[in-house]
């Protein structure tokens, strides 16, 4: 199935709520007159309900406030503003010496560990030879779970004994990646609350070790956010961004929420690109994010 098909399925609950409301709003717009106050307020309510967020909603509404041309015109303006917000946040991943190091971070319960397995599977499918590093040395169950995912994906796996220094495990994984010709090295870190200063400092140590071993590493720091927590995820993201220099977002559980507009809020408020979205529990249910196809799926348009 194409990205559009996968993301359309994942956004089904959001689309059902958002598009039906938008159609009601657009249906009462007089094509000869600018958008009135009542319509603006209804549009704000619809966007907030989809978890687009106050700031992004303000930008979208500002772009259509003085528009005229009927309901179809309103729909196209809203779509264009959302697309522009997502595209404004896009940026290429950093490059550097090989192997590339991808650090995956986040709080507990976001689907971080399973995301690492899915990301390795996606990378292998693209022709790479990834290696997974289990740097969560505090929770044995997480390492065992990740080893199962590595087996499913058919990729190399590096682990350490419980209680080992996570930075030392990353050092070993990078050395193994170099020796075996594996690329990228995908590092699963322990889930941690953004308020735990000591654990956030541990992530900084991992970054320093990676940078010492490979120029430009870590080349990507992916923060895994659970789409179902909505705006609460933004506070997590801000702290991780400040502490460890997040470069992209993986938005999981998009299929489990009617508030999929959180992707727009993230892009607008954090200026961070959405790299991947999770649309299910299977190993193939992680897909690269496309702003254009996301917007088309949100508005139920065929790609």
C-alpha atoms as a PDB file:
ATOM      1  CA  UNK A   1       0.000   0.000   0.000  1.00  0.00           C
ATOM      2  CA  UNK A   2       1.254   3.522  -0.809  1.00  0.00           C
ATOM      3  CA  UNK A   3       2.115   6.102   1.838  1.00  0.00           C
ATOM      4  CA  UNK A   4      -1.118   7.875   0.992  1.00  0.00           C
ATOM      5  CA  UNK A   5      -3.114   4.721   1.603  1.00  0.00           C
ATOM      6  CA  UNK A   6      -1.339   4.023   4.896  1.00  0.00           C
ATOM      7  CA  UNK A   7      -1.588   7.562   6.182  1.00  0.00           C
ATOM      8  CA  UNK A   8      -5.194   7.830   5.029  1.00  0.00           C
ATOM      9  CA  UNK A   9      -6.038   4.785   7.137  1.00  0.00           C
ATOM     10  CA  UNK A  10      -4.101   6.213  10.063  1.00  0.00           C
ATOM     11  CA  UNK A  11      -5.858   9.553   9.823  1.00  0.00           C
ATOM     12  CA  UNK A  12      -9.333   8.065   9.358  1.00  0.00           C
ATOM     13  CA  UNK A  13     -10.614   9.094  12.780  1.00  0.00           C
ATOM     14  CA  UNK A  14      -9.172  12.604  12.500  1.00  0.00           C
ATOM     15  CA  UNK A  15     -10.463  13.038   8.969  1.00  0.00           C
ATOM     16  CA  UNK A  16     -13.959  11.862   9.814  1.00  0.00           C
ATOM     17  CA  UNK A  17     -14.273  14.503  12.509  1.00  0.00           C
ATOM     18  CA  UNK A  18     -12.358  17.341  10.893  1.00  0.00           C
ATOM     19  CA  UNK A  19     -13.568  17.146   7.298  1.00  0.00           C
ATOM     20  CA  UNK A  20     -17.216  16.758   8.215  1.00  0.00           C
ATOM     21  CA  UNK A  21     -16.968  19.846  10.406  1.00  0.00           C
ATOM     22  CA  UNK A  22     -15.080  21.792   7.749  1.00  0.00           C
ATOM     23  CA  UNK A  23     -17.703  20.919   5.144  1.00  0.00           C
ATOM     24  CA  UNK A  24     -20.403  22.283   7.424  1.00  0.00           C
ATOM     25  CA  UNK A  25     -18.456  25.504   7.857  1.00  0.00           C
ATOM     26  CA  UNK A  26     -17.628  25.858   4.158  1.00  0.00           C
ATOM     27  CA  UNK A  27     -21.237  25.200   3.180  1.00  0.00           C
ATOM     28  CA  UNK A  28     -22.456  28.383   4.780  1.00  0.00           C
ATOM     29  CA  UNK A  29     -19.807  30.695   3.314  1.00  0.00           C
ATOM     30  CA  UNK A  30     -21.170  33.257   0.862  1.00  0.00           C
ATOM     31  CA  UNK A  31     -18.874  33.304  -2.146  1.00  0.00           C
ATOM     32  CA  UNK A  32     -19.342  37.039  -2.654  1.00  0.00           C
ATOM     33  CA  UNK A  33     -18.375  38.084   0.868  1.00  0.00           C
ATOM     34  CA  UNK A  34     -15.264  37.762   3.032  1.00  0.00           C
ATOM     35  CA  UNK A  35     -15.337  35.107   5.727  1.00  0.00           C
ATOM     36  CA  UNK A  36     -17.434  36.389   8.652  1.00  0.00           C
ATOM     37  CA  UNK A  37     -16.657  36.284  12.369  1.00  0.00           C
ATOM     38  CA  UNK A  38     -18.967  33.340  13.024  1.00  0.00           C
ATOM     39  CA  UNK A  39     -17.247  31.259  10.355  1.00  0.00           C
ATOM     40  CA  UNK A  40     -13.808  32.155  11.715  1.00  0.00           C
ATOM     41  CA  UNK A  41     -14.836  31.065  15.205  1.00  0.00           C
ATOM     42  CA  UNK A  42     -16.277  27.792  13.906  1.00  0.00           C
ATOM     43  CA  UNK A  43     -13.067  27.130  11.967  1.00  0.00           C
ATOM     44  CA  UNK A  44     -10.998  27.808  15.076  1.00  0.00           C
ATOM     45  CA  UNK A  45     -13.090  25.313  17.036  1.00  0.00           C
ATOM     46  CA  UNK A  46     -12.668  22.639  14.354  1.00  0.00           C
ATOM     47  CA  UNK A  47      -8.904  23.083  14.222  1.00  0.00           C
ATOM     48  CA  UNK A  48      -8.509  23.068  17.997  1.00  0.00           C
ATOM     49  CA  UNK A  49     -10.644  19.897  18.212  1.00  0.00           C
ATOM     50  CA  UNK A  50      -8.220  18.204  15.784  1.00  0.00           C
ATOM     51  CA  UNK A  51      -5.325  19.235  18.082  1.00  0.00           C
ATOM     52  CA  UNK A  52      -3.780  21.639  15.606  1.00  0.00           C
ATOM     53  CA  UNK A  53      -2.996  23.861  18.588  1.00  0.00           C
ATOM     54  CA  UNK A  54      -3.705  27.479  19.396  1.00  0.00           C
ATOM     55  CA  UNK A  55      -0.652  28.988  17.697  1.00  0.00           C
ATOM     56  CA  UNK A  56      -0.992  27.057  14.437  1.00  0.00           C
ATOM     57  CA  UNK A  57      -4.734  27.656  14.420  1.00  0.00           C
ATOM     58  CA  UNK A  58      -4.074  31.377  14.686  1.00  0.00           C
ATOM     59  CA  UNK A  59      -1.804  31.256  11.659  1.00  0.00           C
ATOM     60  CA  UNK A  60      -4.282  29.231   9.600  1.00  0.00           C
ATOM     61  CA  UNK A  61      -7.231  31.444  10.516  1.00  0.00           C
ATOM     62  CA  UNK A  62      -5.148  34.546   9.786  1.00  0.00           C
ATOM     63  CA  UNK A  63      -4.581  33.246   6.281  1.00  0.00           C
ATOM     64  CA  UNK A  64      -8.276  32.839   5.520  1.00  0.00           C
ATOM     65  CA  UNK A  65      -9.817  35.639   7.583  1.00  0.00           C
ATOM     66  CA  UNK A  66     -10.233  38.057   4.693  1.00  0.00           C
ATOM     67  CA  UNK A  67     -10.780  35.483   1.978  1.00  0.00           C
ATOM     68  CA  UNK A  68     -13.793  35.343  -0.289  1.00  0.00           C
ATOM     69  CA  UNK A  69     -14.864  32.973  -3.023  1.00  0.00           C
ATOM     70  CA  UNK A  70     -17.187  30.525  -1.319  1.00  0.00           C
ATOM     71  CA  UNK A  71     -16.766  27.326   0.658  1.00  0.00           C
ATOM     72  CA  UNK A  72     -14.478  25.610  -1.840  1.00  0.00           C
ATOM     73  CA  UNK A  73     -12.113  28.550  -1.643  1.00  0.00           C
ATOM     74  CA  UNK A  74     -12.105  28.360   2.168  1.00  0.00           C
ATOM     75  CA  UNK A  75     -11.273  24.665   2.065  1.00  0.00           C
ATOM     76  CA  UNK A  76      -8.359  25.230  -0.326  1.00  0.00           C
ATOM     77  CA  UNK A  77      -6.980  28.080   1.775  1.00  0.00           C
ATOM     78  CA  UNK A  78      -7.057  25.987   4.959  1.00  0.00           C
ATOM     79  CA  UNK A  79      -5.372  23.121   3.147  1.00  0.00           C
ATOM     80  CA  UNK A  80      -2.685  25.416   1.715  1.00  0.00           C
ATOM     81  CA  UNK A  81      -1.918  26.959   5.109  1.00  0.00           C
ATOM     82  CA  UNK A  82      -1.556  23.547   6.770  1.00  0.00           C
ATOM     83  CA  UNK A  83       0.728  22.347   3.978  1.00  0.00           C
ATOM     84  CA  UNK A  84       2.850  25.486   4.253  1.00  0.00           C
ATOM     85  CA  UNK A  85       3.299  24.994   8.005  1.00  0.00           C
ATOM     86  CA  UNK A  86       4.490  21.404   7.515  1.00  0.00           C
ATOM     87  CA  UNK A  87       6.801  22.279   4.636  1.00  0.00           C
ATOM     88  CA  UNK A  88       8.309  25.241   6.511  1.00  0.00           C
ATOM     89  CA  UNK A  89       9.558  22.803   9.161  1.00  0.00           C
ATOM     90  CA  UNK A  90      11.172  20.396   6.701  1.00  0.00           C
ATOM     91  CA  UNK A  91      14.940  20.049   6.688  1.00  0.00           C
ATOM     92  CA  UNK A  92      17.345  17.398   5.393  1.00  0.00           C
ATOM     93  CA  UNK A  93      18.958  14.968   7.806  1.00  0.00           C
ATOM     94  CA  UNK A  94      22.554  15.778   8.719  1.00  0.00           C
ATOM     95  CA  UNK A  95      25.327  14.017   6.854  1.00  0.00           C
ATOM     96  CA  UNK A  96      28.781  12.982   7.991  1.00  0.00           C
ATOM     97  CA  UNK A  97      31.136  10.053   8.191  1.00  0.00           C
ATOM     98  CA  UNK A  98      29.773   6.514   8.102  1.00  0.00           C
ATOM     99  CA  UNK A  99      28.138   4.729   9.710  1.00  0.00           C
ATOM    100  CA  UNK A 100      25.332   7.173  10.396  1.00  0.00           C
ATOM    101  CA  UNK A 101      24.204   7.176  14.020  1.00  0.00           C
ATOM    102  CA  UNK A 102      20.498   7.610  14.729  1.00  0.00           C
ATOM    103  CA  UNK A 103      19.621   8.252  18.352  1.00  0.00           C
ATOM    104  CA  UNK A 104      16.019   7.475  19.324  1.00  0.00           C
ATOM    105  CA  UNK A 105      14.724   9.191  22.474  1.00  0.00           C
ATOM    106  CA  UNK A 106      11.453   9.754  24.303  1.00  0.00           C
ATOM    107  CA  UNK A 107       9.447   9.120  27.441  1.00  0.00           C
ATOM    108  CA  UNK A 108       8.151   5.712  28.473  1.00  0.00           C
ATOM    109  CA  UNK A 109       5.056   4.438  26.742  1.00  0.00           C
ATOM    110  CA  UNK A 110       5.386   6.252  23.422  1.00  0.00           C
ATOM    111  CA  UNK A 111       6.288   3.138  21.422  1.00  0.00           C
ATOM    112  CA  UNK A 112       9.971   4.050  21.265  1.00  0.00           C
ATOM    113  CA  UNK A 113      11.428   0.544  21.408  1.00  0.00           C
ATOM    114  CA  UNK A 114       9.080  -0.871  18.784  1.00  0.00           C
ATOM    115  CA  UNK A 115       9.787   2.179  16.641  1.00  0.00           C
ATOM    116  CA  UNK A 116      13.492   1.295  16.640  1.00  0.00           C
ATOM    117  CA  UNK A 117      12.695  -2.187  15.320  1.00  0.00           C
ATOM    118  CA  UNK A 118      10.364  -0.805  12.663  1.00  0.00           C
ATOM    119  CA  UNK A 119      12.911   1.835  11.670  1.00  0.00           C
ATOM    120  CA  UNK A 120      15.578  -0.834  11.216  1.00  0.00           C
ATOM    121  CA  UNK A 121      13.193  -2.863   9.082  1.00  0.00           C
ATOM    122  CA  UNK A 122      12.386   0.186   6.967  1.00  0.00           C
ATOM    123  CA  UNK A 123      16.089   0.961   6.559  1.00  0.00           C
ATOM    124  CA  UNK A 124      16.862  -2.600   5.522  1.00  0.00           C
ATOM    125  CA  UNK A 125      14.040  -2.477   2.994  1.00  0.00           C
ATOM    126  CA  UNK A 126      15.668   0.614   1.482  1.00  0.00           C
ATOM    127  CA  UNK A 127      18.883  -1.350   0.891  1.00  0.00           C
ATOM    128  CA  UNK A 128      20.825  -0.397   4.038  1.00  0.00           C
ATOM    129  CA  UNK A 129      22.489  -2.795   6.487  1.00  0.00           C
ATOM    130  CA  UNK A 130      21.385  -1.404   9.863  1.00  0.00           C
ATOM    131  CA  UNK A 131      22.540  -2.369  13.326  1.00  0.00           C
ATOM    132  CA  UNK A 132      20.409  -1.914  16.431  1.00  0.00           C
ATOM    133  CA  UNK A 133      22.021  -0.844  19.685  1.00  0.00           C
ATOM    134  CA  UNK A 134      20.117  -1.534  22.915  1.00  0.00           C
ATOM    135  CA  UNK A 135      21.318   1.321  25.125  1.00  0.00           C
ATOM    136  CA  UNK A 136      18.417   0.939  27.545  1.00  0.00           C
ATOM    137  CA  UNK A 137      20.399  -0.872  30.222  1.00  0.00           C
ATOM    138  CA  UNK A 138      17.900  -0.247  33.008  1.00  0.00           C
ATOM    139  CA  UNK A 139      14.910  -2.243  31.798  1.00  0.00           C
ATOM    140  CA  UNK A 140      15.774  -5.818  30.840  1.00  0.00           C
ATOM    141  CA  UNK A 141      12.353  -6.323  29.272  1.00  0.00           C
ATOM    142  CA  UNK A 142      13.029  -3.485  26.837  1.00  0.00           C
ATOM    143  CA  UNK A 143      16.269  -5.142  25.670  1.00  0.00           C
ATOM    144  CA  UNK A 144      14.562  -8.493  25.226  1.00  0.00           C
ATOM    145  CA  UNK A 145      11.695  -6.856  23.333  1.00  0.00           C
ATOM    146  CA  UNK A 146      14.125  -5.043  21.069  1.00  0.00           C
ATOM    147  CA  UNK A 147      16.078  -8.229  20.399  1.00  0.00           C
ATOM    148  CA  UNK A 148      12.849  -9.844  19.184  1.00  0.00           C
ATOM    149  CA  UNK A 149      12.232  -6.903  16.841  1.00  0.00           C
ATOM    150  CA  UNK A 150      15.819  -7.102  15.552  1.00  0.00           C
ATOM    151  CA  UNK A 151      15.232 -10.782  14.782  1.00  0.00           C
ATOM    152  CA  UNK A 152      12.045  -9.984  12.910  1.00  0.00           C
ATOM    153  CA  UNK A 153      13.841  -7.363  10.866  1.00  0.00           C
ATOM    154  CA  UNK A 154      16.846  -9.622  10.320  1.00  0.00           C
ATOM    155  CA  UNK A 155      19.420  -7.067  11.458  1.00  0.00           C
ATOM    156  CA  UNK A 156      22.466  -7.091  13.757  1.00  0.00           C
ATOM    157  CA  UNK A 157      21.905  -6.414  17.441  1.00  0.00           C
ATOM    158  CA  UNK A 158      24.260  -5.143  20.151  1.00  0.00           C
ATOM    159  CA  UNK A 159      23.339  -5.373  23.826  1.00  0.00           C
ATOM    160  CA  UNK A 160      25.090  -5.120  27.189  1.00  0.00           C
ATOM    161  CA  UNK A 161      24.587  -6.558  30.626  1.00  0.00           C
ATOM    162  CA  UNK A 162      21.932  -4.893  32.808  1.00  0.00           C
ATOM    163  CA  UNK A 163      23.302  -1.848  34.595  1.00  0.00           C
ATOM    164  CA  UNK A 164      26.088  -1.195  32.092  1.00  0.00           C
ATOM    165  CA  UNK A 165      26.920   2.371  31.107  1.00  0.00           C
ATOM    166  CA  UNK A 166      24.652   3.218  28.145  1.00  0.00           C
ATOM    167  CA  UNK A 167      27.360   5.374  26.553  1.00  0.00           C
ATOM    168  CA  UNK A 168      29.741   2.401  26.652  1.00  0.00           C
ATOM    169  CA  UNK A 169      27.165   0.270  24.849  1.00  0.00           C
ATOM    170  CA  UNK A 170      26.868   2.928  22.155  1.00  0.00           C
ATOM    171  CA  UNK A 171      30.658   2.974  21.843  1.00  0.00           C
ATOM    172  CA  UNK A 172      30.658  -0.805  21.310  1.00  0.00           C
ATOM    173  CA  UNK A 173      27.835  -0.581  18.773  1.00  0.00           C
ATOM    174  CA  UNK A 174      29.626   2.060  16.722  1.00  0.00           C
ATOM    175  CA  UNK A 175      32.799  -0.040  16.759  1.00  0.00           C
ATOM    176  CA  UNK A 176      30.787  -3.067  15.614  1.00  0.00           C
ATOM    177  CA  UNK A 177      29.134  -1.013  12.885  1.00  0.00           C
ATOM    178  CA  UNK A 178      32.505   0.062  11.557  1.00  0.00           C
ATOM    179  CA  UNK A 179      33.972  -3.452  11.717  1.00  0.00           C
ATOM    180  CA  UNK A 180      30.994  -5.167  10.092  1.00  0.00           C
ATOM    181  CA  UNK A 181      30.140  -2.487   7.549  1.00  0.00           C
ATOM    182  CA  UNK A 182      26.748  -1.793   9.118  1.00  0.00           C
ATOM    183  CA  UNK A 183      24.955   1.485   8.466  1.00  0.00           C
ATOM    184  CA  UNK A 184      23.025   3.063  10.113  1.00  0.00           C
ATOM    185  CA  UNK A 185      23.546   2.348  13.804  1.00  0.00           C
ATOM    186  CA  UNK A 186      20.125   2.871  15.402  1.00  0.00           C
ATOM    187  CA  UNK A 187      20.326   3.467  19.144  1.00  0.00           C
ATOM    188  CA  UNK A 188      17.422   2.747  21.477  1.00  0.00           C
ATOM    189  CA  UNK A 189      17.753   4.749  24.704  1.00  0.00           C
ATOM    190  CA  UNK A 190      15.964   4.309  28.015  1.00  0.00           C
ATOM    191  CA  UNK A 191      12.610   6.005  28.260  1.00  0.00           C
ATOM    192  CA  UNK A 192      12.866   9.005  30.509  1.00  0.00           C
ATOM    193  CA  UNK A 193      10.780  11.899  31.683  1.00  0.00           C
ATOM    194  CA  UNK A 194      12.016  15.220  30.366  1.00  0.00           C
ATOM    195  CA  UNK A 195      12.062  16.499  33.969  1.00  0.00           C
ATOM    196  CA  UNK A 196      14.739  13.994  35.097  1.00  0.00           C
ATOM    197  CA  UNK A 197      17.879  16.090  34.814  1.00  0.00           C
ATOM    198  CA  UNK A 198      20.294  13.234  35.528  1.00  0.00           C
ATOM    199  CA  UNK A 199      18.797  11.024  32.819  1.00  0.00           C
ATOM    200  CA  UNK A 200      18.787  13.850  30.315  1.00  0.00           C
ATOM    201  CA  UNK A 201      22.457  14.354  31.155  1.00  0.00           C
ATOM    202  CA  UNK A 202      23.010  10.695  30.304  1.00  0.00           C
ATOM    203  CA  UNK A 203      21.681  11.351  26.795  1.00  0.00           C
ATOM    204  CA  UNK A 204      24.149  14.191  26.457  1.00  0.00           C
ATOM    205  CA  UNK A 205      26.969  11.799  27.377  1.00  0.00           C
ATOM    206  CA  UNK A 206      25.803   9.364  24.687  1.00  0.00           C
ATOM    207  CA  UNK A 207      25.864  12.221  22.180  1.00  0.00           C
ATOM    208  CA  UNK A 208      29.419  13.148  23.166  1.00  0.00           C
ATOM    209  CA  UNK A 209      30.654   9.570  22.838  1.00  0.00           C
ATOM    210  CA  UNK A 210      29.061   9.214  19.399  1.00  0.00           C
ATOM    211  CA  UNK A 211      30.531  12.535  18.247  1.00  0.00           C
ATOM    212  CA  UNK A 212      33.991  11.472  19.397  1.00  0.00           C
ATOM    213  CA  UNK A 213      33.832   8.248  17.387  1.00  0.00           C
ATOM    214  CA  UNK A 214      32.238   9.483  14.145  1.00  0.00           C
ATOM    215  CA  UNK A 215      32.265  12.954  12.606  1.00  0.00           C
ATOM    216  CA  UNK A 216      28.860  14.605  12.801  1.00  0.00           C
ATOM    217  CA  UNK A 217      27.322  11.924  15.035  1.00  0.00           C
ATOM    218  CA  UNK A 218      24.629  11.556  16.089  1.00  0.00           C
ATOM    219  CA  UNK A 219      23.458  12.436  12.618  1.00  0.00           C
ATOM    220  CA  UNK A 220      19.814  12.258  13.619  1.00  0.00           C
ATOM    221  CA  UNK A 221      18.117  12.517  17.016  1.00  0.00           C
ATOM    222  CA  UNK A 222      14.559  11.272  16.660  1.00  0.00           C
ATOM    223  CA  UNK A 223      12.052  12.038  19.396  1.00  0.00           C
ATOM    224  CA  UNK A 224       9.188   9.543  19.539  1.00  0.00           C
ATOM    225  CA  UNK A 225       5.874  11.158  20.470  1.00  0.00           C
ATOM    226  CA  UNK A 226       2.553   9.451  21.064  1.00  0.00           C
ATOM    227  CA  UNK A 227      -0.091  11.158  18.906  1.00  0.00           C
ATOM    228  CA  UNK A 228      -2.820  10.228  21.374  1.00  0.00           C
ATOM    229  CA  UNK A 229      -1.407  12.506  24.107  1.00  0.00           C
ATOM    230  CA  UNK A 230      -1.857  15.562  21.903  1.00  0.00           C
ATOM    231  CA  UNK A 231      -0.609  18.893  23.197  1.00  0.00           C
ATOM    232  CA  UNK A 232       1.053  17.279  26.221  1.00  0.00           C
ATOM    233  CA  UNK A 233       3.630  15.925  23.804  1.00  0.00           C
ATOM    234  CA  UNK A 234       4.739  19.452  22.953  1.00  0.00           C
ATOM    235  CA  UNK A 235       6.066  20.123  26.449  1.00  0.00           C
ATOM    236  CA  UNK A 236       8.028  16.869  26.269  1.00  0.00           C
ATOM    237  CA  UNK A 237       9.420  17.840  22.891  1.00  0.00           C
ATOM    238  CA  UNK A 238      10.526  21.288  24.026  1.00  0.00           C
ATOM    239  CA  UNK A 239      12.574  19.852  26.882  1.00  0.00           C
ATOM    240  CA  UNK A 240      14.181  17.155  24.751  1.00  0.00           C
ATOM    241  CA  UNK A 241      14.926  19.731  22.056  1.00  0.00           C
ATOM    242  CA  UNK A 242      16.733  21.911  24.567  1.00  0.00           C
ATOM    243  CA  UNK A 243      18.599  19.044  26.235  1.00  0.00           C
ATOM    244  CA  UNK A 244      19.688  16.829  23.352  1.00  0.00           C
ATOM    245  CA  UNK A 245      19.111  18.744  20.128  1.00  0.00           C
ATOM    246  CA  UNK A 246      16.240  16.790  18.600  1.00  0.00           C
ATOM    247  CA  UNK A 247      16.357  16.922  14.790  1.00  0.00           C
ATOM    248  CA  UNK A 248      13.121  15.137  13.887  1.00  0.00           C
ATOM    249  CA  UNK A 249       9.912  13.601  15.211  1.00  0.00           C
ATOM    250  CA  UNK A 250       8.459  10.115  14.950  1.00  0.00           C
ATOM    251  CA  UNK A 251       4.724  10.368  15.580  1.00  0.00           C
ATOM    252  CA  UNK A 252       3.325   7.037  16.749  1.00  0.00           C
ATOM    253  CA  UNK A 253      -0.222   5.723  17.264  1.00  0.00           C
ATOM    254  CA  UNK A 254      -1.631   8.085  14.673  1.00  0.00           C
ATOM    255  CA  UNK A 255      -4.252   5.466  13.898  1.00  0.00           C
ATOM    256  CA  UNK A 256      -5.520   5.570  17.479  1.00  0.00           C
ATOM    257  CA  UNK A 257      -6.595   9.197  17.711  1.00  0.00           C
ATOM    258  CA  UNK A 258      -9.060  11.694  16.252  1.00  0.00           C
ATOM    259  CA  UNK A 259      -6.551  14.449  17.015  1.00  0.00           C
ATOM    260  CA  UNK A 260      -4.016  13.850  14.269  1.00  0.00           C
ATOM    261  CA  UNK A 261      -3.603  17.579  13.784  1.00  0.00           C
ATOM    262  CA  UNK A 262      -0.852  17.396  16.412  1.00  0.00           C
ATOM    263  CA  UNK A 263       1.582  17.007  13.499  1.00  0.00           C
ATOM    264  CA  UNK A 264       0.708  20.563  12.454  1.00  0.00           C
ATOM    265  CA  UNK A 265       1.164  21.884  15.983  1.00  0.00           C
ATOM    266  CA  UNK A 266       4.590  20.245  16.249  1.00  0.00           C
ATOM    267  CA  UNK A 267       5.760  21.658  12.937  1.00  0.00           C
ATOM    268  CA  UNK A 268       4.528  25.162  13.716  1.00  0.00           C
ATOM    269  CA  UNK A 269       5.603  25.525  17.330  1.00  0.00           C
ATOM    270  CA  UNK A 270       8.835  23.523  17.357  1.00  0.00           C
ATOM    271  CA  UNK A 271       9.951  23.984  13.747  1.00  0.00           C
ATOM    272  CA  UNK A 272      10.823  20.287  13.720  1.00  0.00           C
ATOM    273  CA  UNK A 273      10.119  17.992  10.776  1.00  0.00           C
ATOM    274  CA  UNK A 274       7.974  14.891  11.154  1.00  0.00           C
ATOM    275  CA  UNK A 275      10.273  12.147   9.839  1.00  0.00           C
ATOM    276  CA  UNK A 276       8.049   9.093  10.272  1.00  0.00           C
ATOM    277  CA  UNK A 277       4.560   8.183  11.425  1.00  0.00           C
ATOM    278  CA  UNK A 278       3.363   4.984  13.034  1.00  0.00           C
ATOM    279  CA  UNK A 279       0.026   3.738  11.719  1.00  0.00           C
ATOM    280  CA  UNK A 280      -0.250   0.320  13.347  1.00  0.00           C
ATOM    281  CA  UNK A 281       1.494  -2.343  15.398  1.00  0.00           C
ATOM    282  CA  UNK A 282       3.082  -4.439  12.632  1.00  0.00           C
ATOM    283  CA  UNK A 283       6.722  -4.263  11.627  1.00  0.00           C
ATOM    284  CA  UNK A 284       5.782  -2.522   8.374  1.00  0.00           C
ATOM    285  CA  UNK A 285       3.557   0.049  10.090  1.00  0.00           C
ATOM    286  CA  UNK A 286       6.123   2.846  10.164  1.00  0.00           C
ATOM    287  CA  UNK A 287       6.197   5.046   7.080  1.00  0.00           C
ATOM    288  CA  UNK A 288       8.248   8.084   6.014  1.00  0.00           C
ATOM    289  CA  UNK A 289       6.267  11.283   6.403  1.00  0.00           C
ATOM    290  CA  UNK A 290       5.197  13.308   3.372  1.00  0.00           C
ATOM    291  CA  UNK A 291       3.637  16.716   4.047  1.00  0.00           C
ATOM    292  CA  UNK A 292       1.740  16.734   0.752  1.00  0.00           C
ATOM    293  CA  UNK A 293       0.302  13.263   1.191  1.00  0.00           C
ATOM    294  CA  UNK A 294      -0.553  13.925   4.839  1.00  0.00           C
ATOM    295  CA  UNK A 295      -2.577  16.973   3.846  1.00  0.00           C
ATOM    296  CA  UNK A 296      -4.249  15.156   0.957  1.00  0.00           C
ATOM    297  CA  UNK A 297      -5.177  12.331   3.323  1.00  0.00           C
ATOM    298  CA  UNK A 298      -6.467  14.778   5.931  1.00  0.00           C
ATOM    299  CA  UNK A 299      -8.735  16.321   3.319  1.00  0.00           C
ATOM    300  CA  UNK A 300      -9.677  12.934   1.851  1.00  0.00           C
ATOM    301  CA  UNK A 301      -8.268  13.611  -1.597  1.00  0.00           C
ATOM    302  CA  UNK A 302      -6.858  10.868  -3.800  1.00  0.00           C
ATOM    303  CA  UNK A 303      -3.119  10.951  -4.444  1.00  0.00           C
END
